[in-house]
Amino acid sequence: MRSEARQRLLDVLEACRAVGQFAQGKDFNAYQADEMLRAAVERKLEVIGEAFTKLADAEPELAEKFPEFRKIVGLRNRIIHGYDTVDDEIIWDVVENKLPALRRQVEEFLK
C-alpha cells in the first residue's frame, strides 16, 4: 500500500471515529433536533467520501476492496450537491449501521 493510500484510509478511520464520538449516547430524535450534530456528521461523511475518491485515484484496486465505496462517494456527492434534499433518516442509518463496519474494515487494512 502506497503512503497516499494509507493516508486516505487514516482519514476515513479518523472521520469514522469522530462520528462515533459525536453520536455516542444519541438517538435519531436527538440527531434531528441538533443542527450542530447534523452538520458535524455530514462534514465527516463528506471527508470519508472524498478520501475514498482520492483512494480510488491513487490505488483503484484497493478502493475496490471496499464493496460500499461507490455508495460512500455517492453519499458525499449527495450531501454536497443535494444538501437541500439530504434525508436525516438515511444519514442516521449510515451512522448507526454502516460506519461501524466500515471502521472495522479500514482498521483491518491498516494492520
PDB file of N, CA and C in Angstrom:
ATOM      1  N   MET A   1       0.855  -1.173   0.000  1.00  0.00           N
ATOM      2  CA  MET A   1       0.000   0.000   0.000  1.00  0.00           C
ATOM      3  C   MET A   1       0.902   1.238   0.000  1.00  0.00           C
ATOM      4  N   ARG A   2       0.642   2.116  -0.946  1.00  0.00           N
ATOM      5  CA  ARG A   2       1.410   3.358  -1.037  1.00  0.00           C
ATOM      6  C   ARG A   2       1.039   4.293   0.116  1.00  0.00           C
ATOM      7  N   SER A   3       1.935   5.216   0.393  1.00  0.00           N
ATOM      8  CA  SER A   3       1.706   6.113   1.533  1.00  0.00           C
ATOM      9  C   SER A   3       0.471   6.983   1.338  1.00  0.00           C
ATOM     10  N   GLU A   4       0.177   7.404   0.097  1.00  0.00           N
ATOM     11  CA  GLU A   4      -1.020   8.217  -0.123  1.00  0.00           C
ATOM     12  C   GLU A   4      -2.281   7.416   0.192  1.00  0.00           C
ATOM     13  N   ALA A   5      -2.309   6.168  -0.232  1.00  0.00           N
ATOM     14  CA  ALA A   5      -3.469   5.315   0.047  1.00  0.00           C
ATOM     15  C   ALA A   5      -3.614   5.109   1.553  1.00  0.00           C
ATOM     16  N   ARG A   6      -2.509   4.881   2.218  1.00  0.00           N
ATOM     17  CA  ARG A   6      -2.550   4.709   3.672  1.00  0.00           C
ATOM     18  C   ARG A   6      -3.110   5.962   4.348  1.00  0.00           C
ATOM     19  N   GLN A   7      -2.671   7.132   3.897  1.00  0.00           N
ATOM     20  CA  GLN A   7      -3.160   8.378   4.479  1.00  0.00           C
ATOM     21  C   GLN A   7      -4.664   8.525   4.265  1.00  0.00           C
ATOM     22  N   ARG A   8      -5.150   8.162   3.100  1.00  0.00           N
ATOM     23  CA  ARG A   8      -6.592   8.272   2.836  1.00  0.00           C
ATOM     24  C   ARG A   8      -7.378   7.353   3.764  1.00  0.00           C
ATOM     25  N   LEU A   9      -6.862   6.142   3.985  1.00  0.00           N
ATOM     26  CA  LEU A   9      -7.539   5.222   4.905  1.00  0.00           C
ATOM     27  C   LEU A   9      -7.482   5.752   6.338  1.00  0.00           C
ATOM     28  N   LEU A  10      -6.385   6.384   6.693  1.00  0.00           N
ATOM     29  CA  LEU A  10      -6.307   7.008   8.023  1.00  0.00           C
ATOM     30  C   LEU A  10      -7.323   8.150   8.143  1.00  0.00           C
ATOM     31  N   ASP A  11      -7.523   8.893   7.063  1.00  0.00           N
ATOM     32  CA  ASP A  11      -8.531   9.950   7.063  1.00  0.00           C
ATOM     33  C   ASP A  11      -9.928   9.361   7.282  1.00  0.00           C
ATOM     34  N   VAL A  12     -10.203   8.258   6.606  1.00  0.00           N
ATOM     35  CA  VAL A  12     -11.507   7.588   6.775  1.00  0.00           C
ATOM     36  C   VAL A  12     -11.664   7.114   8.208  1.00  0.00           C
ATOM     37  N   LEU A  13     -10.631   6.491   8.733  1.00  0.00           N
ATOM     38  CA  LEU A  13     -10.686   5.976  10.102  1.00  0.00           C
ATOM     39  C   LEU A  13     -10.931   7.099  11.107  1.00  0.00           C
ATOM     40  N   GLU A  14     -10.225   8.186  10.973  1.00  0.00           N
ATOM     41  CA  GLU A  14     -10.396   9.309  11.895  1.00  0.00           C
ATOM     42  C   GLU A  14     -11.806   9.881  11.803  1.00  0.00           C
ATOM     43  N   ALA A  15     -12.329  10.002  10.600  1.00  0.00           N
ATOM     44  CA  ALA A  15     -13.682  10.531  10.436  1.00  0.00           C
ATOM     45  C   ALA A  15     -14.714   9.571  11.035  1.00  0.00           C
ATOM     46  N   CYS A  16     -14.517   8.279  10.855  1.00  0.00           N
ATOM     47  CA  CYS A  16     -15.429   7.291  11.466  1.00  0.00           C
ATOM     48  C   CYS A  16     -15.395   7.400  12.982  1.00  0.00           C
ATOM     49  N   ARG A  17     -14.207   7.520  13.528  1.00  0.00           N
ATOM     50  CA  ARG A  17     -14.071   7.668  14.987  1.00  0.00           C
ATOM     51  C   ARG A  17     -14.782   8.925  15.477  1.00  0.00           C
ATOM     52  N   ALA A  18     -14.601  10.015  14.757  1.00  0.00           N
ATOM     53  CA  ALA A  18     -15.222  11.277  15.158  1.00  0.00           C
ATOM     54  C   ALA A  18     -16.743  11.163  15.141  1.00  0.00           C
ATOM     55  N   VAL A  19     -17.291  10.580  14.094  1.00  0.00           N
ATOM     56  CA  VAL A  19     -18.749  10.422  14.025  1.00  0.00           C
ATOM     57  C   VAL A  19     -19.235   9.559  15.180  1.00  0.00           C
ATOM     58  N   GLY A  20     -18.494   8.507  15.493  1.00  0.00           N
ATOM     59  CA  GLY A  20     -18.861   7.662  16.626  1.00  0.00           C
ATOM     60  C   GLY A  20     -18.908   8.443  17.927  1.00  0.00           C
ATOM     61  N   GLN A  21     -17.949   9.333  18.106  1.00  0.00           N
ATOM     62  CA  GLN A  21     -17.933  10.164  19.310  1.00  0.00           C
ATOM     63  C   GLN A  21     -19.082  11.165  19.301  1.00  0.00           C
ATOM     64  N   PHE A  22     -19.326  11.776  18.154  1.00  0.00           N
ATOM     65  CA  PHE A  22     -20.412  12.757  18.065  1.00  0.00           C
ATOM     66  C   PHE A  22     -21.758  12.118  18.407  1.00  0.00           C
ATOM     67  N   ALA A  23     -21.960  10.896  17.924  1.00  0.00           N
ATOM     68  CA  ALA A  23     -23.267  10.241  18.028  1.00  0.00           C
ATOM     69  C   ALA A  23     -23.439   9.417  19.307  1.00  0.00           C
ATOM     70  N   GLN A  24     -22.368   9.261  20.062  1.00  0.00           N
ATOM     71  CA  GLN A  24     -22.439   8.436  21.269  1.00  0.00           C
ATOM     72  C   GLN A  24     -23.536   8.943  22.210  1.00  0.00           C
ATOM     73  N   GLY A  25     -24.408   8.031  22.606  1.00  0.00           N
ATOM     74  CA  GLY A  25     -25.479   8.359  23.533  1.00  0.00           C
ATOM     75  C   GLY A  25     -26.646   9.097  22.898  1.00  0.00           C
ATOM     76  N   LYS A  26     -26.608   9.273  21.590  1.00  0.00           N
ATOM     77  CA  LYS A  26     -27.674   9.991  20.900  1.00  0.00           C
ATOM     78  C   LYS A  26     -28.604   8.996  20.199  1.00  0.00           C
ATOM     79  N   ASP A  27     -29.823   9.440  19.942  1.00  0.00           N
ATOM     80  CA  ASP A  27     -30.745   8.677  19.117  1.00  0.00           C
ATOM     81  C   ASP A  27     -31.167   9.554  17.945  1.00  0.00           C
ATOM     82  N   PHE A  28     -32.012   9.015  17.082  1.00  0.00           N
ATOM     83  CA  PHE A  28     -32.413   9.743  15.890  1.00  0.00           C
ATOM     84  C   PHE A  28     -33.077  11.074  16.226  1.00  0.00           C
ATOM     85  N   ASN A  29     -33.924  11.094  17.241  1.00  0.00           N
ATOM     86  CA  ASN A  29     -34.593  12.341  17.616  1.00  0.00           C
ATOM     87  C   ASN A  29     -33.594  13.399  18.054  1.00  0.00           C
ATOM     88  N   ALA A  30     -32.608  12.991  18.812  1.00  0.00           N
ATOM     89  CA  ALA A  30     -31.572  13.928  19.239  1.00  0.00           C
ATOM     90  C   ALA A  30     -30.776  14.425  18.040  1.00  0.00           C
ATOM     91  N   TYR A  31     -30.503  13.526  17.113  1.00  0.00           N
ATOM     92  CA  TYR A  31     -29.786  13.903  15.892  1.00  0.00           C
ATOM     93  C   TYR A  31     -30.571  14.956  15.112  1.00  0.00           C
ATOM     94  N   GLN A  32     -31.843  14.696  14.918  1.00  0.00           N
ATOM     95  CA  GLN A  32     -32.669  15.631  14.151  1.00  0.00           C
ATOM     96  C   GLN A  32     -32.789  16.994  14.833  1.00  0.00           C
ATOM     97  N   ALA A  33     -32.802  17.011  16.141  1.00  0.00           N
ATOM     98  CA  ALA A  33     -33.002  18.252  16.887  1.00  0.00           C
ATOM     99  C   ALA A  33     -31.737  19.088  17.011  1.00  0.00           C
ATOM    100  N   ASP A  34     -30.589  18.530  16.697  1.00  0.00           N
ATOM    101  CA  ASP A  34     -29.313  19.208  16.943  1.00  0.00           C
ATOM    102  C   ASP A  34     -28.641  19.572  15.614  1.00  0.00           C
ATOM    103  N   GLU A  35     -28.803  20.811  15.212  1.00  0.00           N
ATOM    104  CA  GLU A  35     -28.247  21.261  13.932  1.00  0.00           C
ATOM    105  C   GLU A  35     -26.726  21.121  13.877  1.00  0.00           C
ATOM    106  N   MET A  36     -26.059  21.408  14.999  1.00  0.00           N
ATOM    107  CA  MET A  36     -24.612  21.294  15.020  1.00  0.00           C
ATOM    108  C   MET A  36     -24.169  19.835  14.853  1.00  0.00           C
ATOM    109  N   LEU A  37     -24.868  18.914  15.492  1.00  0.00           N
ATOM    110  CA  LEU A  37     -24.550  17.497  15.346  1.00  0.00           C
ATOM    111  C   LEU A  37     -24.745  17.062  13.901  1.00  0.00           C
ATOM    112  N   ARG A  38     -25.853  17.461  13.296  1.00  0.00           N
ATOM    113  CA  ARG A  38     -26.100  17.087  11.901  1.00  0.00           C
ATOM    114  C   ARG A  38     -25.000  17.642  10.989  1.00  0.00           C
ATOM    115  N   ALA A  39     -24.621  18.878  11.211  1.00  0.00           N
ATOM    116  CA  ALA A  39     -23.575  19.492  10.395  1.00  0.00           C
ATOM    117  C   ALA A  39     -22.236  18.770  10.579  1.00  0.00           C
ATOM    118  N   ALA A  40     -21.914  18.426  11.805  1.00  0.00           N
ATOM    119  CA  ALA A  40     -20.645  17.742  12.083  1.00  0.00           C
ATOM    120  C   ALA A  40     -20.621  16.357  11.442  1.00  0.00           C
ATOM    121  N   VAL A  41     -21.694  15.617  11.573  1.00  0.00           N
ATOM    122  CA  VAL A  41     -21.769  14.277  10.982  1.00  0.00           C
ATOM    123  C   VAL A  41     -21.679  14.376   9.465  1.00  0.00           C
ATOM    124  N   GLU A  42     -22.441  15.282   8.885  1.00  0.00           N
ATOM    125  CA  GLU A  42     -22.407  15.428   7.428  1.00  0.00           C
ATOM    126  C   GLU A  42     -21.011  15.812   6.949  1.00  0.00           C
ATOM    127  N   ARG A  43     -20.333  16.684   7.673  1.00  0.00           N
ATOM    128  CA  ARG A  43     -18.968  17.077   7.288  1.00  0.00           C
ATOM    129  C   ARG A  43     -18.038  15.879   7.282  1.00  0.00           C
ATOM    130  N   LYS A  44     -18.117  15.056   8.307  1.00  0.00           N
ATOM    131  CA  LYS A  44     -17.242  13.877   8.364  1.00  0.00           C
ATOM    132  C   LYS A  44     -17.603  12.874   7.274  1.00  0.00           C
ATOM    133  N   LEU A  45     -18.875  12.759   6.921  1.00  0.00           N
ATOM    134  CA  LEU A  45     -19.258  11.880   5.812  1.00  0.00           C
ATOM    135  C   LEU A  45     -18.709  12.414   4.492  1.00  0.00           C
ATOM    136  N   GLU A  46     -18.659  13.728   4.360  1.00  0.00           N
ATOM    137  CA  GLU A  46     -18.033  14.331   3.180  1.00  0.00           C
ATOM    138  C   GLU A  46     -16.550  13.954   3.123  1.00  0.00           C
ATOM    139  N   VAL A  47     -15.877  14.037   4.257  1.00  0.00           N
ATOM    140  CA  VAL A  47     -14.452  13.691   4.322  1.00  0.00           C
ATOM    141  C   VAL A  47     -14.254  12.228   3.929  1.00  0.00           C
ATOM    142  N   ILE A  48     -15.077  11.350   4.445  1.00  0.00           N
ATOM    143  CA  ILE A  48     -14.962   9.926   4.120  1.00  0.00           C
ATOM    144  C   ILE A  48     -15.129   9.715   2.614  1.00  0.00           C
ATOM    145  N   GLY A  49     -16.149  10.339   2.047  1.00  0.00           N
ATOM    146  CA  GLY A  49     -16.376  10.191   0.610  1.00  0.00           C
ATOM    147  C   GLY A  49     -15.238  10.746  -0.229  1.00  0.00           C
ATOM    148  N   GLU A  50     -14.712  11.890   0.164  1.00  0.00           N
ATOM    149  CA  GLU A  50     -13.595  12.485  -0.573  1.00  0.00           C
ATOM    150  C   GLU A  50     -12.342  11.633  -0.426  1.00  0.00           C
ATOM    151  N   ALA A  51     -12.110  11.095   0.755  1.00  0.00           N
ATOM    152  CA  ALA A  51     -10.947  10.225   0.961  1.00  0.00           C
ATOM    153  C   ALA A  51     -11.036   8.988   0.067  1.00  0.00           C
ATOM    154  N   PHE A  52     -12.229   8.433  -0.082  1.00  0.00           N
ATOM    155  CA  PHE A  52     -12.385   7.278  -0.970  1.00  0.00           C
ATOM    156  C   PHE A  52     -12.202   7.664  -2.430  1.00  0.00           C
ATOM    157  N   THR A  53     -12.614   8.863  -2.803  1.00  0.00           N
ATOM    158  CA  THR A  53     -12.379   9.333  -4.167  1.00  0.00           C
ATOM    159  C   THR A  53     -10.879   9.407  -4.440  1.00  0.00           C
ATOM    160  N   LYS A  54     -10.142   9.968  -3.501  1.00  0.00           N
ATOM    161  CA  LYS A  54      -8.691  10.087  -3.656  1.00  0.00           C
ATOM    162  C   LYS A  54      -8.012   8.722  -3.588  1.00  0.00           C
ATOM    163  N   LEU A  55      -8.535   7.830  -2.752  1.00  0.00           N
ATOM    164  CA  LEU A  55      -8.002   6.468  -2.688  1.00  0.00           C
ATOM    165  C   LEU A  55      -8.187   5.772  -4.027  1.00  0.00           C
ATOM    166  N   ALA A  56      -9.353   5.933  -4.630  1.00  0.00           N
ATOM    167  CA  ALA A  56      -9.626   5.303  -5.929  1.00  0.00           C
ATOM    168  C   ALA A  56      -8.695   5.855  -7.009  1.00  0.00           C
ATOM    169  N   ASP A  57      -8.334   7.118  -6.920  1.00  0.00           N
ATOM    170  CA  ASP A  57      -7.376   7.700  -7.870  1.00  0.00           C
ATOM    171  C   ASP A  57      -5.973   7.145  -7.645  1.00  0.00           C
ATOM    172  N   ALA A  58      -5.595   7.001  -6.386  1.00  0.00           N
ATOM    173  CA  ALA A  58      -4.245   6.560  -6.039  1.00  0.00           C
ATOM    174  C   ALA A  58      -4.054   5.056  -6.235  1.00  0.00           C
ATOM    175  N   GLU A  59      -5.020   4.277  -5.766  1.00  0.00           N
ATOM    176  CA  GLU A  59      -4.927   2.814  -5.835  1.00  0.00           C
ATOM    177  C   GLU A  59      -6.317   2.228  -6.079  1.00  0.00           C
ATOM    178  N   PRO A  60      -6.761   2.247  -7.323  1.00  0.00           N
ATOM    179  CA  PRO A  60      -8.119   1.778  -7.622  1.00  0.00           C
ATOM    180  C   PRO A  60      -8.397   0.351  -7.151  1.00  0.00           C
ATOM    181  N   GLU A  61      -7.394  -0.500  -7.244  1.00  0.00           N
ATOM    182  CA  GLU A  61      -7.595  -1.895  -6.837  1.00  0.00           C
ATOM    183  C   GLU A  61      -7.851  -2.010  -5.328  1.00  0.00           C
ATOM    184  N   LEU A  62      -7.277  -1.125  -4.559  1.00  0.00           N
ATOM    185  CA  LEU A  62      -7.513  -1.118  -3.119  1.00  0.00           C
ATOM    186  C   LEU A  62      -8.909  -0.580  -2.814  1.00  0.00           C
ATOM    187  N   ALA A  63      -9.293   0.484  -3.468  1.00  0.00           N
ATOM    188  CA  ALA A  63     -10.634   1.050  -3.257  1.00  0.00           C
ATOM    189  C   ALA A  63     -11.706   0.016  -3.564  1.00  0.00           C
ATOM    190  N   GLU A  64     -11.492  -0.778  -4.587  1.00  0.00           N
ATOM    191  CA  GLU A  64     -12.472  -1.804  -4.984  1.00  0.00           C
ATOM    192  C   GLU A  64     -12.638  -2.894  -3.925  1.00  0.00           C
ATOM    193  N   LYS A  65     -11.697  -2.998  -3.017  1.00  0.00           N
ATOM    194  CA  LYS A  65     -11.816  -3.989  -1.946  1.00  0.00           C
ATOM    195  C   LYS A  65     -12.837  -3.578  -0.888  1.00  0.00           C
ATOM    196  N   PHE A  66     -13.317  -2.350  -0.992  1.00  0.00           N
ATOM    197  CA  PHE A  66     -14.372  -1.848  -0.114  1.00  0.00           C
ATOM    198  C   PHE A  66     -15.670  -1.864  -0.915  1.00  0.00           C
ATOM    199  N   PRO A  67     -16.508  -2.867  -0.705  1.00  0.00           N
ATOM    200  CA  PRO A  67     -17.684  -3.046  -1.562  1.00  0.00           C
ATOM    201  C   PRO A  67     -18.621  -1.842  -1.607  1.00  0.00           C
ATOM    202  N   GLU A  68     -18.631  -1.034  -0.574  1.00  0.00           N
ATOM    203  CA  GLU A  68     -19.552   0.104  -0.498  1.00  0.00           C
ATOM    204  C   GLU A  68     -18.920   1.412  -0.965  1.00  0.00           C
ATOM    205  N   PHE A  69     -17.709   1.373  -1.501  1.00  0.00           N
ATOM    206  CA  PHE A  69     -17.008   2.635  -1.729  1.00  0.00           C
ATOM    207  C   PHE A  69     -17.732   3.534  -2.721  1.00  0.00           C
ATOM    208  N   ARG A  70     -18.360   2.992  -3.730  1.00  0.00           N
ATOM    209  CA  ARG A  70     -19.098   3.833  -4.680  1.00  0.00           C
ATOM    210  C   ARG A  70     -20.313   4.496  -4.004  1.00  0.00           C
ATOM    211  N   LYS A  71     -20.973   3.759  -3.129  1.00  0.00           N
ATOM    212  CA  LYS A  71     -22.103   4.337  -2.389  1.00  0.00           C
ATOM    213  C   LYS A  71     -21.629   5.428  -1.440  1.00  0.00           C
ATOM    214  N   ILE A  72     -20.455   5.224  -0.856  1.00  0.00           N
ATOM    215  CA  ILE A  72     -19.886   6.214   0.059  1.00  0.00           C
ATOM    216  C   ILE A  72     -19.601   7.512  -0.689  1.00  0.00           C
ATOM    217  N   VAL A  73     -19.000   7.399  -1.862  1.00  0.00           N
ATOM    218  CA  VAL A  73     -18.723   8.575  -2.685  1.00  0.00           C
ATOM    219  C   VAL A  73     -20.037   9.220  -3.128  1.00  0.00           C
ATOM    220  N   GLY A  74     -21.005   8.395  -3.472  1.00  0.00           N
ATOM    221  CA  GLY A  74     -22.311   8.924  -3.867  1.00  0.00           C
ATOM    222  C   GLY A  74     -22.990   9.689  -2.742  1.00  0.00           C
ATOM    223  N   LEU A  75     -22.865   9.195  -1.522  1.00  0.00           N
ATOM    224  CA  LEU A  75     -23.437   9.897  -0.374  1.00  0.00           C
ATOM    225  C   LEU A  75     -22.753  11.241  -0.176  1.00  0.00           C
ATOM    226  N   ARG A  76     -21.456  11.262  -0.323  1.00  0.00           N
ATOM    227  CA  ARG A  76     -20.711  12.520  -0.222  1.00  0.00           C
ATOM    228  C   ARG A  76     -21.225  13.516  -1.248  1.00  0.00           C
ATOM    229  N   ASN A  77     -21.403  13.049  -2.477  1.00  0.00           N
ATOM    230  CA  ASN A  77     -21.887  13.938  -3.531  1.00  0.00           C
ATOM    231  C   ASN A  77     -23.295  14.439  -3.232  1.00  0.00           C
ATOM    232  N   ARG A  78     -24.127  13.571  -2.694  1.00  0.00           N
ATOM    233  CA  ARG A  78     -25.496  13.965  -2.356  1.00  0.00           C
ATOM    234  C   ARG A  78     -25.500  15.029  -1.260  1.00  0.00           C
ATOM    235  N   ILE A  79     -24.663  14.839  -0.256  1.00  0.00           N
ATOM    236  CA  ILE A  79     -24.603  15.814   0.836  1.00  0.00           C
ATOM    237  C   ILE A  79     -24.134  17.172   0.311  1.00  0.00           C
ATOM    238  N   ILE A  80     -23.125  17.160  -0.537  1.00  0.00           N
ATOM    239  CA  ILE A  80     -22.559  18.415  -1.023  1.00  0.00           C
ATOM    240  C   ILE A  80     -23.459  19.075  -2.068  1.00  0.00           C
ATOM    241  N   HIS A  81     -23.872  18.313  -3.059  1.00  0.00           N
ATOM    242  CA  HIS A  81     -24.589  18.909  -4.186  1.00  0.00           C
ATOM    243  C   HIS A  81     -26.101  18.915  -4.003  1.00  0.00           C
ATOM    244  N   GLY A  82     -26.601  18.021  -3.169  1.00  0.00           N
ATOM    245  CA  GLY A  82     -28.041  17.969  -2.927  1.00  0.00           C
ATOM    246  C   GLY A  82     -28.350  18.256  -1.474  1.00  0.00           C
ATOM    247  N   TYR A  83     -27.597  19.182  -0.914  1.00  0.00           N
ATOM    248  CA  TYR A  83     -27.699  19.485   0.515  1.00  0.00           C
ATOM    249  C   TYR A  83     -29.131  19.751   0.960  1.00  0.00           C
ATOM    250  N   ASP A  84     -29.951  20.249   0.053  1.00  0.00           N
ATOM    251  CA  ASP A  84     -31.328  20.583   0.418  1.00  0.00           C
ATOM    252  C   ASP A  84     -32.267  19.382   0.378  1.00  0.00           C
ATOM    253  N   THR A  85     -31.752  18.241  -0.036  1.00  0.00           N
ATOM    254  CA  THR A  85     -32.583  17.037  -0.102  1.00  0.00           C
ATOM    255  C   THR A  85     -32.006  15.884   0.718  1.00  0.00           C
ATOM    256  N   VAL A  86     -31.066  16.182   1.600  1.00  0.00           N
ATOM    257  CA  VAL A  86     -30.464  15.137   2.435  1.00  0.00           C
ATOM    258  C   VAL A  86     -31.528  14.593   3.385  1.00  0.00           C
ATOM    259  N   ASP A  87     -31.621  13.283   3.439  1.00  0.00           N
ATOM    260  CA  ASP A  87     -32.606  12.602   4.280  1.00  0.00           C
ATOM    261  C   ASP A  87     -31.940  12.224   5.604  1.00  0.00           C
ATOM    262  N   ASP A  88     -32.386  12.842   6.692  1.00  0.00           N
ATOM    263  CA  ASP A  88     -31.791  12.573   8.008  1.00  0.00           C
ATOM    264  C   ASP A  88     -31.880  11.101   8.391  1.00  0.00           C
ATOM    265  N   GLU A  89     -32.934  10.428   8.000  1.00  0.00           N
ATOM    266  CA  GLU A  89     -33.070   9.003   8.337  1.00  0.00           C
ATOM    267  C   GLU A  89     -31.985   8.172   7.660  1.00  0.00           C
ATOM    268  N   ILE A  90     -31.668   8.504   6.423  1.00  0.00           N
ATOM    269  CA  ILE A  90     -30.605   7.781   5.721  1.00  0.00           C
ATOM    270  C   ILE A  90     -29.261   8.051   6.388  1.00  0.00           C
ATOM    271  N   ILE A  91     -29.007   9.302   6.709  1.00  0.00           N
ATOM    272  CA  ILE A  91     -27.732   9.638   7.357  1.00  0.00           C
ATOM    273  C   ILE A  91     -27.612   8.918   8.701  1.00  0.00           C
ATOM    274  N   TRP A  92     -28.678   8.919   9.483  1.00  0.00           N
ATOM    275  CA  TRP A  92     -28.621   8.260  10.788  1.00  0.00           C
ATOM    276  C   TRP A  92     -28.433   6.751  10.636  1.00  0.00           C
ATOM    277  N   ASP A  93     -29.041   6.157   9.618  1.00  0.00           N
ATOM    278  CA  ASP A  93     -28.833   4.734   9.351  1.00  0.00           C
ATOM    279  C   ASP A  93     -27.361   4.458   9.033  1.00  0.00           C
ATOM    280  N   VAL A  94     -26.757   5.323   8.263  1.00  0.00           N
ATOM    281  CA  VAL A  94     -25.326   5.184   7.961  1.00  0.00           C
ATOM    282  C   VAL A  94     -24.515   5.259   9.252  1.00  0.00           C
ATOM    283  N   VAL A  95     -24.831   6.230  10.085  1.00  0.00           N
ATOM    284  CA  VAL A  95     -24.105   6.413  11.346  1.00  0.00           C
ATOM    285  C   VAL A  95     -24.216   5.169  12.226  1.00  0.00           C
ATOM    286  N   GLU A  96     -25.410   4.650  12.367  1.00  0.00           N
ATOM    287  CA  GLU A  96     -25.621   3.517  13.270  1.00  0.00           C
ATOM    288  C   GLU A  96     -25.228   2.170  12.679  1.00  0.00           C
ATOM    289  N   ASN A  97     -25.452   1.982  11.384  1.00  0.00           N
ATOM    290  CA  ASN A  97     -25.337   0.642  10.818  1.00  0.00           C
ATOM    291  C   ASN A  97     -24.217   0.439   9.809  1.00  0.00           C
ATOM    292  N   LYS A  98     -23.736   1.479   9.209  1.00  0.00           N
ATOM    293  CA  LYS A  98     -22.711   1.321   8.169  1.00  0.00           C
ATOM    294  C   LYS A  98     -21.312   1.711   8.642  1.00  0.00           C
ATOM    295  N   LEU A  99     -21.211   2.821   9.359  1.00  0.00           N
ATOM    296  CA  LEU A  99     -19.882   3.298   9.749  1.00  0.00           C
ATOM    297  C   LEU A  99     -19.134   2.364  10.691  1.00  0.00           C
ATOM    298  N   PRO A 100     -19.802   1.724  11.651  1.00  0.00           N
ATOM    299  CA  PRO A 100     -19.033   0.800  12.499  1.00  0.00           C
ATOM    300  C   PRO A 100     -18.363  -0.321  11.699  1.00  0.00           C
ATOM    301  N   ALA A 101     -19.067  -0.860  10.716  1.00  0.00           N
ATOM    302  CA  ALA A 101     -18.492  -1.914   9.877  1.00  0.00           C
ATOM    303  C   ALA A 101     -17.367  -1.364   9.007  1.00  0.00           C
ATOM    304  N   LEU A 102     -17.562  -0.168   8.461  1.00  0.00           N
ATOM    305  CA  LEU A 102     -16.515   0.448   7.652  1.00  0.00           C
ATOM    306  C   LEU A 102     -15.271   0.689   8.503  1.00  0.00           C
ATOM    307  N   ARG A 103     -15.475   1.164   9.692  1.00  0.00           N
ATOM    308  CA  ARG A 103     -14.340   1.423  10.590  1.00  0.00           C
ATOM    309  C   ARG A 103     -13.547   0.136  10.836  1.00  0.00           C
ATOM    310  N   ARG A 104     -14.243  -0.945  11.115  1.00  0.00           N
ATOM    311  CA  ARG A 104     -13.549  -2.232  11.343  1.00  0.00           C
ATOM    312  C   ARG A 104     -12.784  -2.676  10.104  1.00  0.00           C
ATOM    313  N   GLN A 105     -13.399  -2.514   8.934  1.00  0.00           N
ATOM    314  CA  GLN A 105     -12.764  -2.919   7.695  1.00  0.00           C
ATOM    315  C   GLN A 105     -11.494  -2.086   7.431  1.00  0.00           C
ATOM    316  N   VAL A 106     -11.576  -0.800   7.645  1.00  0.00           N
ATOM    317  CA  VAL A 106     -10.409   0.062   7.442  1.00  0.00           C
ATOM    318  C   VAL A 106      -9.315  -0.299   8.437  1.00  0.00           C
ATOM    319  N   GLU A 107      -9.682  -0.548   9.683  1.00  0.00           N
ATOM    320  CA  GLU A 107      -8.674  -0.951  10.681  1.00  0.00           C
ATOM    321  C   GLU A 107      -7.949  -2.219  10.244  1.00  0.00           C
ATOM    322  N   GLU A 108      -8.668  -3.174   9.663  1.00  0.00           N
ATOM    323  CA  GLU A 108      -8.040  -4.404   9.185  1.00  0.00           C
ATOM    324  C   GLU A 108      -7.036  -4.127   8.069  1.00  0.00           C
ATOM    325  N   PHE A 109      -7.387  -3.266   7.136  1.00  0.00           N
ATOM    326  CA  PHE A 109      -6.489  -2.933   6.044  1.00  0.00           C
ATOM    327  C   PHE A 109      -5.238  -2.212   6.529  1.00  0.00           C
ATOM    328  N   LEU A 110      -5.387  -1.458   7.600  1.00  0.00           N
ATOM    329  CA  LEU A 110      -4.245  -0.679   8.105  1.00  0.00           C
ATOM    330  C   LEU A 110      -3.301  -1.518   8.969  1.00  0.00           C
ATOM    331  N   LYS A 111      -3.694  -2.709   9.341  1.00  0.00           N
ATOM    332  CA  LYS A 111      -2.809  -3.549  10.165  1.00  0.00           C
ATOM    333  C   LYS A 111      -1.624  -4.036   9.366  1.00  0.00           C
TER     334      LYS A 111
END
